[in-house]
Amino acid sequence: MLGKPSTNFKNSGFDPATGRVKLVEPAWNVGLNDEKLITTLNTGEYVTVKFDHQVEDDPLNPYGIDLLVFGNPFYVGSGFVSDLSNMEDYMLVGGAWFEQLVVSVSQDGEEWYTYDSGPYCDSAFPTQAYLWDSENEQWTDTESDFTKPVDPDLADTLLAGGMSAADAIALYDGSGGGTGFDLAESGYDWIQYVRVEGIEGFSGGEVDAFADVAPVPVPAAVWLLGSGLLGVVGLRRRRK
């Protein structure tokens, strides 16, 4: 969780042996250097992280979204998919694999606002790590923008399917995905702590990374690299 969203993984037992994280194939297993990619939270478990700066409720942020939280959801596609699949031909058939985790935010790590009714981590929008070249029908090595949210009005359109994965990627408009949160709902002008928690009925959800949304026009991109997170504040099972 202390780095940018996962971009590649080892595809153990499959050909090819590695894969790019995409909206139809999520991060799983381990990274290319055998590093752990995601953290699973079961019911009653939570993790708290802290930014090294204040994440502001910024009116210049796209769609009013200030914070992005990444998990490993994916849209359901038309069969087996890998880096060898042509995204122009691979179809979204409708539906997605979401495992909801509740997100809370705080200024001081003591008083919290919880998004009880969503949006939820490990749901829309699945991570899209790299840009797709539709003209040449191939992946590029250019990473998507992990500080740019997807237009939230596209959630139902993408869930409905009936389009190619390439068309879905185009709708992302260069975004790397992630669940978006508007801090205005919390009543905070800024936050510095984020908590993600497993809830009843959605045991086993995953969290991958966090990002501070960049305003428009985009200044220097800011995501939670090692220098962006002061550290994991807590990872534990809540006592009842």
C-alpha atoms as a PDB file:
ATOM      1  CA  MET A   1       0.000   0.000   0.000  1.00  0.00           C
ATOM      2  CA  LEU A   2       2.986   2.328   0.344  1.00  0.00           C
ATOM      3  CA  GLY A   3       3.576   2.689  -3.386  1.00  0.00           C
ATOM      4  CA  LYS A   4       1.757   3.600  -6.542  1.00  0.00           C
ATOM      5  CA  PRO A   5      -0.959   1.223  -7.771  1.00  0.00           C
ATOM      6  CA  SER A   6       0.205  -2.152  -9.045  1.00  0.00           C
ATOM      7  CA  THR A   7       1.143  -2.169 -12.726  1.00  0.00           C
ATOM      8  CA  ASN A   8       2.475  -5.702 -13.391  1.00  0.00           C
ATOM      9  CA  PHE A   9       2.219  -9.124 -11.799  1.00  0.00           C
ATOM     10  CA  LYS A  10       3.495 -12.662 -12.142  1.00  0.00           C
ATOM     11  CA  ASN A  11       0.883 -14.742 -13.941  1.00  0.00           C
ATOM     12  CA  SER A  12       1.911 -18.029 -12.364  1.00  0.00           C
ATOM     13  CA  GLY A  13       0.877 -21.119 -14.284  1.00  0.00           C
ATOM     14  CA  PHE A  14      -0.249 -19.206 -17.372  1.00  0.00           C
ATOM     15  CA  ASP A  15       1.238 -18.043 -20.656  1.00  0.00           C
ATOM     16  CA  PRO A  16       2.565 -15.389 -20.738  1.00  0.00           C
ATOM     17  CA  ALA A  17       4.147 -15.652 -17.295  1.00  0.00           C
ATOM     18  CA  THR A  18       3.584 -11.981 -16.477  1.00  0.00           C
ATOM     19  CA  GLY A  19       0.721  -9.576 -16.975  1.00  0.00           C
ATOM     20  CA  ARG A  20      -0.186  -5.914 -16.985  1.00  0.00           C
ATOM     21  CA  VAL A  21      -2.872  -4.767 -14.563  1.00  0.00           C
ATOM     22  CA  LYS A  22      -5.913  -3.837 -16.621  1.00  0.00           C
ATOM     23  CA  LEU A  23      -9.590  -3.241 -16.107  1.00  0.00           C
ATOM     24  CA  VAL A  24     -10.361  -6.840 -17.142  1.00  0.00           C
ATOM     25  CA  GLU A  25      -7.380  -8.476 -15.367  1.00  0.00           C
ATOM     26  CA  PRO A  26      -6.568  -7.217 -11.869  1.00  0.00           C
ATOM     27  CA  ALA A  27      -3.492  -7.333  -9.678  1.00  0.00           C
ATOM     28  CA  TRP A  28      -3.068 -10.695  -7.970  1.00  0.00           C
ATOM     29  CA  ASN A  29      -0.308 -13.054  -6.855  1.00  0.00           C
ATOM     30  CA  VAL A  30       2.998 -11.145  -6.587  1.00  0.00           C
ATOM     31  CA  GLY A  31       4.888  -8.487  -8.508  1.00  0.00           C
ATOM     32  CA  LEU A  32       7.727  -9.019 -10.927  1.00  0.00           C
ATOM     33  CA  ASN A  33      10.227  -8.986  -8.045  1.00  0.00           C
ATOM     34  CA  ASP A  34       8.064 -11.289  -5.901  1.00  0.00           C
ATOM     35  CA  GLU A  35       6.811  -8.363  -3.840  1.00  0.00           C
ATOM     36  CA  LYS A  36       3.330  -8.504  -2.342  1.00  0.00           C
ATOM     37  CA  LEU A  37       0.914  -6.372  -4.343  1.00  0.00           C
ATOM     38  CA  ILE A  38      -2.352  -6.175  -2.417  1.00  0.00           C
ATOM     39  CA  THR A  39      -3.614  -6.396   1.164  1.00  0.00           C
ATOM     40  CA  THR A  40      -6.725  -8.444   1.935  1.00  0.00           C
ATOM     41  CA  LEU A  41      -9.098  -7.194   4.637  1.00  0.00           C
ATOM     42  CA  ASN A  42     -11.725  -9.503   6.077  1.00  0.00           C
ATOM     43  CA  THR A  43     -14.730  -8.505   8.167  1.00  0.00           C
ATOM     44  CA  GLY A  44     -13.620  -6.433  11.165  1.00  0.00           C
ATOM     45  CA  GLU A  45     -10.074  -5.895   9.890  1.00  0.00           C
ATOM     46  CA  TYR A  46      -8.838  -2.456   8.909  1.00  0.00           C
ATOM     47  CA  VAL A  47      -5.750  -0.555   7.885  1.00  0.00           C
ATOM     48  CA  THR A  48      -4.955   3.105   8.495  1.00  0.00           C
ATOM     49  CA  VAL A  49      -2.483   5.102   6.416  1.00  0.00           C
ATOM     50  CA  LYS A  50      -1.234   8.663   6.569  1.00  0.00           C
ATOM     51  CA  PHE A  51      -0.233  11.033   3.789  1.00  0.00           C
ATOM     52  CA  ASP A  52       2.839  13.189   4.288  1.00  0.00           C
ATOM     53  CA  HIS A  53       0.745  16.218   3.233  1.00  0.00           C
ATOM     54  CA  GLN A  54      -2.808  17.468   3.471  1.00  0.00           C
ATOM     55  CA  VAL A  55      -5.168  16.102   0.822  1.00  0.00           C
ATOM     56  CA  GLU A  56      -7.427  19.067   0.097  1.00  0.00           C
ATOM     57  CA  ASP A  57     -11.046  19.409  -0.919  1.00  0.00           C
ATOM     58  CA  ASP A  58     -10.023  21.210  -4.110  1.00  0.00           C
ATOM     59  CA  PRO A  59     -12.696  22.687  -6.425  1.00  0.00           C
ATOM     60  CA  LEU A  60     -10.235  22.392  -9.316  1.00  0.00           C
ATOM     61  CA  ASN A  61     -10.111  18.604  -9.037  1.00  0.00           C
ATOM     62  CA  PRO A  62     -11.854  16.730 -11.863  1.00  0.00           C
ATOM     63  CA  TYR A  63     -15.506  15.842 -11.057  1.00  0.00           C
ATOM     64  CA  GLY A  64     -14.977  17.182  -7.521  1.00  0.00           C
ATOM     65  CA  ILE A  65     -13.026  14.044  -6.564  1.00  0.00           C
ATOM     66  CA  ASP A  66     -10.146  14.568  -4.142  1.00  0.00           C
ATOM     67  CA  LEU A  67      -8.961  11.091  -3.103  1.00  0.00           C
ATOM     68  CA  LEU A  68      -8.528   7.819  -5.013  1.00  0.00           C
ATOM     69  CA  VAL A  69      -8.359   4.410  -3.359  1.00  0.00           C
ATOM     70  CA  PHE A  70      -7.291   1.407  -5.446  1.00  0.00           C
ATOM     71  CA  GLY A  71      -8.203  -2.253  -4.952  1.00  0.00           C
ATOM     72  CA  ASN A  72      -8.190  -5.129  -7.436  1.00  0.00           C
ATOM     73  CA  PRO A  73     -11.675  -5.302  -8.971  1.00  0.00           C
ATOM     74  CA  PHE A  74     -12.254  -6.095 -12.645  1.00  0.00           C
ATOM     75  CA  TYR A  75     -14.958  -5.987 -15.290  1.00  0.00           C
ATOM     76  CA  VAL A  76     -16.234  -9.351 -16.504  1.00  0.00           C
ATOM     77  CA  GLY A  77     -15.052 -10.135 -20.026  1.00  0.00           C
ATOM     78  CA  SER A  78     -15.610 -12.656 -22.779  1.00  0.00           C
ATOM     79  CA  GLY A  79     -13.367 -15.467 -21.543  1.00  0.00           C
ATOM     80  CA  PHE A  80      -9.713 -15.921 -20.704  1.00  0.00           C
ATOM     81  CA  VAL A  81      -7.639 -12.757 -20.954  1.00  0.00           C
ATOM     82  CA  SER A  82      -3.896 -12.040 -20.882  1.00  0.00           C
ATOM     83  CA  ASP A  83      -1.427  -9.553 -22.302  1.00  0.00           C
ATOM     84  CA  LEU A  84      -1.706 -11.461 -25.592  1.00  0.00           C
ATOM     85  CA  SER A  85      -5.423 -10.653 -25.850  1.00  0.00           C
ATOM     86  CA  ASN A  86      -6.411  -7.972 -28.330  1.00  0.00           C
ATOM     87  CA  MET A  87      -8.358  -5.368 -26.361  1.00  0.00           C
ATOM     88  CA  GLU A  88     -10.171  -4.401 -29.569  1.00  0.00           C
ATOM     89  CA  ASP A  89     -11.766  -7.860 -29.699  1.00  0.00           C
ATOM     90  CA  TYR A  90     -12.069  -8.707 -26.007  1.00  0.00           C
ATOM     91  CA  MET A  91     -15.581  -7.753 -24.923  1.00  0.00           C
ATOM     92  CA  LEU A  92     -17.060  -6.588 -21.641  1.00  0.00           C
ATOM     93  CA  VAL A  93     -20.111  -8.795 -21.177  1.00  0.00           C
ATOM     94  CA  GLY A  94     -21.656  -6.890 -18.279  1.00  0.00           C
ATOM     95  CA  GLY A  95     -21.031  -7.007 -14.549  1.00  0.00           C
ATOM     96  CA  ALA A  96     -17.880  -6.825 -12.475  1.00  0.00           C
ATOM     97  CA  TRP A  97     -16.085  -8.497  -9.600  1.00  0.00           C
ATOM     98  CA  PHE A  98     -16.355  -6.032  -6.734  1.00  0.00           C
ATOM     99  CA  GLU A  99     -15.584  -6.719  -3.034  1.00  0.00           C
ATOM    100  CA  GLN A 100     -16.627  -3.650  -1.116  1.00  0.00           C
ATOM    101  CA  LEU A 101     -14.477  -2.141   1.632  1.00  0.00           C
ATOM    102  CA  VAL A 102     -15.576   0.889   3.655  1.00  0.00           C
ATOM    103  CA  VAL A 103     -13.410   4.010   3.568  1.00  0.00           C
ATOM    104  CA  SER A 104     -13.088   6.637   6.323  1.00  0.00           C
ATOM    105  CA  VAL A 105     -11.074   9.875   6.377  1.00  0.00           C
ATOM    106  CA  SER A 106      -9.661  12.003   9.175  1.00  0.00           C
ATOM    107  CA  GLN A 107      -7.540  15.071   9.819  1.00  0.00           C
ATOM    108  CA  ASP A 108      -5.928  13.839  13.015  1.00  0.00           C
ATOM    109  CA  GLY A 109      -6.404  10.054  13.091  1.00  0.00           C
ATOM    110  CA  GLU A 110      -8.833  10.418  16.018  1.00  0.00           C
ATOM    111  CA  GLU A 111     -12.063  11.853  14.631  1.00  0.00           C
ATOM    112  CA  TRP A 112     -13.335  10.110  11.496  1.00  0.00           C
ATOM    113  CA  TYR A 113     -15.899  10.544   8.761  1.00  0.00           C
ATOM    114  CA  THR A 114     -17.034   7.231   7.231  1.00  0.00           C
ATOM    115  CA  TYR A 115     -18.505   6.812   3.757  1.00  0.00           C
ATOM    116  CA  ASP A 116     -21.036   4.294   5.078  1.00  0.00           C
ATOM    117  CA  SER A 117     -23.157   4.368   1.932  1.00  0.00           C
ATOM    118  CA  GLY A 118     -20.246   4.338  -0.479  1.00  0.00           C
ATOM    119  CA  PRO A 119     -18.412   4.810  -2.641  1.00  0.00           C
ATOM    120  CA  TYR A 120     -16.423   1.725  -1.653  1.00  0.00           C
ATOM    121  CA  CYS A 121     -12.838   0.630  -2.124  1.00  0.00           C
ATOM    122  CA  ASP A 122     -12.367  -2.441  -4.356  1.00  0.00           C
ATOM    123  CA  SER A 123     -15.225  -1.433  -6.632  1.00  0.00           C
ATOM    124  CA  ALA A 124     -15.500   0.981  -9.567  1.00  0.00           C
ATOM    125  CA  PHE A 125     -13.201   1.853 -11.176  1.00  0.00           C
ATOM    126  CA  PRO A 126     -10.771  -1.071 -11.772  1.00  0.00           C
ATOM    127  CA  THR A 127      -7.118  -0.146 -12.176  1.00  0.00           C
ATOM    128  CA  GLN A 128      -5.922   0.463 -15.735  1.00  0.00           C
ATOM    129  CA  ALA A 129      -2.133   0.570 -15.482  1.00  0.00           C
ATOM    130  CA  TYR A 130      -1.047   1.282 -19.067  1.00  0.00           C
ATOM    131  CA  LEU A 131      -2.387   3.077 -22.125  1.00  0.00           C
ATOM    132  CA  TRP A 132      -3.627   0.991 -25.039  1.00  0.00           C
ATOM    133  CA  ASP A 133      -2.705   1.885 -28.652  1.00  0.00           C
ATOM    134  CA  SER A 134      -5.897   1.245 -30.624  1.00  0.00           C
ATOM    135  CA  GLU A 135      -4.360   2.192 -33.959  1.00  0.00           C
ATOM    136  CA  ASN A 136      -1.694  -0.495 -33.705  1.00  0.00           C
ATOM    137  CA  GLU A 137      -3.774  -2.767 -31.459  1.00  0.00           C
ATOM    138  CA  GLN A 138      -1.095  -3.183 -28.815  1.00  0.00           C
ATOM    139  CA  TRP A 139      -0.085  -2.133 -25.329  1.00  0.00           C
ATOM    140  CA  THR A 140       2.172   0.836 -24.774  1.00  0.00           C
ATOM    141  CA  ASP A 141       4.719   1.255 -21.988  1.00  0.00           C
ATOM    142  CA  THR A 142       3.128   4.567 -20.990  1.00  0.00           C
ATOM    143  CA  GLU A 143       1.517   4.426 -17.574  1.00  0.00           C
ATOM    144  CA  SER A 144      -1.957   5.815 -17.052  1.00  0.00           C
ATOM    145  CA  ASP A 145      -2.439   8.807 -14.758  1.00  0.00           C
ATOM    146  CA  PHE A 146      -3.021   7.492 -11.237  1.00  0.00           C
ATOM    147  CA  THR A 147      -3.956  10.977 -10.015  1.00  0.00           C
ATOM    148  CA  LYS A 148      -6.784  11.422 -12.533  1.00  0.00           C
ATOM    149  CA  PRO A 149     -10.230  10.018 -11.694  1.00  0.00           C
ATOM    150  CA  VAL A 150     -12.608   8.370 -14.131  1.00  0.00           C
ATOM    151  CA  ASP A 151     -15.810  10.309 -14.803  1.00  0.00           C
ATOM    152  CA  PRO A 152     -18.173   8.857 -12.134  1.00  0.00           C
ATOM    153  CA  ASP A 153     -21.122   9.181 -14.535  1.00  0.00           C
ATOM    154  CA  LEU A 154     -19.591   6.327 -16.566  1.00  0.00           C
ATOM    155  CA  ALA A 155     -20.018   3.736 -13.807  1.00  0.00           C
ATOM    156  CA  ASP A 156     -23.298   2.293 -15.103  1.00  0.00           C
ATOM    157  CA  THR A 157     -22.159   2.410 -18.727  1.00  0.00           C
ATOM    158  CA  LEU A 158     -19.078   0.345 -17.975  1.00  0.00           C
ATOM    159  CA  LEU A 159     -20.985  -2.113 -15.802  1.00  0.00           C
ATOM    160  CA  ALA A 160     -23.523  -2.681 -18.560  1.00  0.00           C
ATOM    161  CA  GLY A 161     -20.811  -4.009 -20.866  1.00  0.00           C
ATOM    162  CA  GLY A 162     -21.544  -4.458 -24.563  1.00  0.00           C
ATOM    163  CA  MET A 163     -18.304  -2.765 -25.560  1.00  0.00           C
ATOM    164  CA  SER A 164     -14.727  -3.821 -26.201  1.00  0.00           C
ATOM    165  CA  ALA A 165     -12.098  -3.503 -23.505  1.00  0.00           C
ATOM    166  CA  ALA A 166     -10.373  -0.998 -25.788  1.00  0.00           C
ATOM    167  CA  ASP A 167     -13.513   1.160 -25.831  1.00  0.00           C
ATOM    168  CA  ALA A 168     -13.707   0.930 -22.041  1.00  0.00           C
ATOM    169  CA  ILE A 169     -10.079   2.006 -21.738  1.00  0.00           C
ATOM    170  CA  ALA A 170     -10.830   4.946 -24.034  1.00  0.00           C
ATOM    171  CA  LEU A 171     -13.671   5.993 -21.713  1.00  0.00           C
ATOM    172  CA  TYR A 172     -11.136   6.144 -18.888  1.00  0.00           C
ATOM    173  CA  ASP A 173      -9.538   9.001 -20.870  1.00  0.00           C
ATOM    174  CA  GLY A 174      -6.018   8.320 -19.607  1.00  0.00           C
ATOM    175  CA  SER A 175      -7.030   7.687 -15.999  1.00  0.00           C
ATOM    176  CA  GLY A 176      -5.533   4.826 -14.033  1.00  0.00           C
ATOM    177  CA  GLY A 177      -8.881   4.146 -12.345  1.00  0.00           C
ATOM    178  CA  GLY A 178      -9.530   3.893  -8.613  1.00  0.00           C
ATOM    179  CA  THR A 179     -12.551   4.637  -6.443  1.00  0.00           C
ATOM    180  CA  GLY A 180     -13.044   8.375  -6.108  1.00  0.00           C
ATOM    181  CA  PHE A 181     -14.024  10.259  -2.939  1.00  0.00           C
ATOM    182  CA  ASP A 182     -15.231  13.837  -2.646  1.00  0.00           C
ATOM    183  CA  LEU A 183     -14.062  15.313   0.655  1.00  0.00           C
ATOM    184  CA  ALA A 184     -16.883  17.847   0.592  1.00  0.00           C
ATOM    185  CA  GLU A 185     -19.185  15.100   1.861  1.00  0.00           C
ATOM    186  CA  SER A 186     -16.979  14.632   4.925  1.00  0.00           C
ATOM    187  CA  GLY A 187     -17.155  18.295   5.897  1.00  0.00           C
ATOM    188  CA  TYR A 188     -13.345  18.464   6.014  1.00  0.00           C
ATOM    189  CA  ASP A 189     -11.419  21.064   4.044  1.00  0.00           C
ATOM    190  CA  TRP A 190      -8.537  18.598   4.057  1.00  0.00           C
ATOM    191  CA  ILE A 191      -7.616  15.182   5.413  1.00  0.00           C
ATOM    192  CA  GLN A 192      -4.368  13.366   6.093  1.00  0.00           C
ATOM    193  CA  TYR A 193      -5.464   9.916   7.307  1.00  0.00           C
ATOM    194  CA  VAL A 194      -7.399   7.257   5.419  1.00  0.00           C
ATOM    195  CA  ARG A 195      -8.830   4.052   6.875  1.00  0.00           C
ATOM    196  CA  VAL A 196     -10.091   1.071   4.860  1.00  0.00           C
ATOM    197  CA  GLU A 197     -12.145  -1.606   6.634  1.00  0.00           C
ATOM    198  CA  GLY A 198     -13.655  -4.986   5.834  1.00  0.00           C
ATOM    199  CA  ILE A 199     -17.423  -5.179   6.291  1.00  0.00           C
ATOM    200  CA  GLU A 200     -19.985  -7.906   6.805  1.00  0.00           C
ATOM    201  CA  GLY A 201     -21.015  -9.600   3.597  1.00  0.00           C
ATOM    202  CA  PHE A 202     -17.922  -8.652   1.623  1.00  0.00           C
ATOM    203  CA  SER A 203     -15.199 -10.683   3.318  1.00  0.00           C
ATOM    204  CA  GLY A 204     -11.869 -10.689   1.566  1.00  0.00           C
ATOM    205  CA  GLY A 205     -11.782  -7.323  -0.179  1.00  0.00           C
ATOM    206  CA  GLU A 206      -8.434  -5.892  -1.262  1.00  0.00           C
ATOM    207  CA  VAL A 207      -6.700  -2.527  -1.035  1.00  0.00           C
ATOM    208  CA  ASP A 208      -3.722  -1.687  -3.226  1.00  0.00           C
ATOM    209  CA  ALA A 209      -2.828   2.014  -3.065  1.00  0.00           C
ATOM    210  CA  PHE A 210      -3.968   5.600  -2.449  1.00  0.00           C
ATOM    211  CA  ALA A 211      -3.599   8.799  -4.469  1.00  0.00           C
ATOM    212  CA  ASP A 212      -4.146  12.510  -4.023  1.00  0.00           C
ATOM    213  CA  VAL A 213      -6.067  13.721  -7.094  1.00  0.00           C
ATOM    214  CA  ALA A 214      -4.227  16.330  -9.146  1.00  0.00           C
ATOM    215  CA  PRO A 215      -6.182  19.501  -9.950  1.00  0.00           C
ATOM    216  CA  VAL A 216      -6.697  20.833 -13.470  1.00  0.00           C
ATOM    217  CA  PRO A 217      -4.472  22.080 -14.957  1.00  0.00           C
ATOM    218  CA  VAL A 218      -2.252  19.266 -13.723  1.00  0.00           C
ATOM    219  CA  PRO A 219       0.806  20.280 -11.709  1.00  0.00           C
ATOM    220  CA  ALA A 220       3.399  17.713 -10.714  1.00  0.00           C
ATOM    221  CA  ALA A 221       1.723  14.336 -10.321  1.00  0.00           C
ATOM    222  CA  VAL A 222       1.377  13.311  -6.691  1.00  0.00           C
ATOM    223  CA  TRP A 223       0.720   9.742  -5.637  1.00  0.00           C
ATOM    224  CA  LEU A 224       1.636   7.739  -2.607  1.00  0.00           C
ATOM    225  CA  LEU A 225       5.177   6.691  -3.303  1.00  0.00           C
ATOM    226  CA  GLY A 226       7.404   5.688  -0.403  1.00  0.00           C
ATOM    227  CA  SER A 227       8.057   9.372   0.256  1.00  0.00           C
ATOM    228  CA  GLY A 228       4.351  10.158  -0.018  1.00  0.00           C
ATOM    229  CA  LEU A 229       3.249   7.915   2.833  1.00  0.00           C
ATOM    230  CA  LEU A 230       4.676   8.321   6.276  1.00  0.00           C
ATOM    231  CA  GLY A 231       3.799   4.719   6.980  1.00  0.00           C
ATOM    232  CA  VAL A 232       1.133   2.255   7.867  1.00  0.00           C
ATOM    233  CA  VAL A 233      -0.408   3.462  11.097  1.00  0.00           C
ATOM    234  CA  GLY A 234      -2.461   0.375  11.872  1.00  0.00           C
ATOM    235  CA  LEU A 235      -3.334  -3.034  10.530  1.00  0.00           C
ATOM    236  CA  ARG A 236      -5.327  -5.090  12.960  1.00  0.00           C
ATOM    237  CA  ARG A 237      -8.543  -6.912  13.725  1.00  0.00           C
ATOM    238  CA  ARG A 238     -11.126  -4.755  15.423  1.00  0.00           C
ATOM    239  CA  ARG A 239     -12.115  -6.100  18.842  1.00  0.00           C
ATOM    240  CA  LYS A 240     -15.809  -6.345  19.581  1.00  0.00           C
END
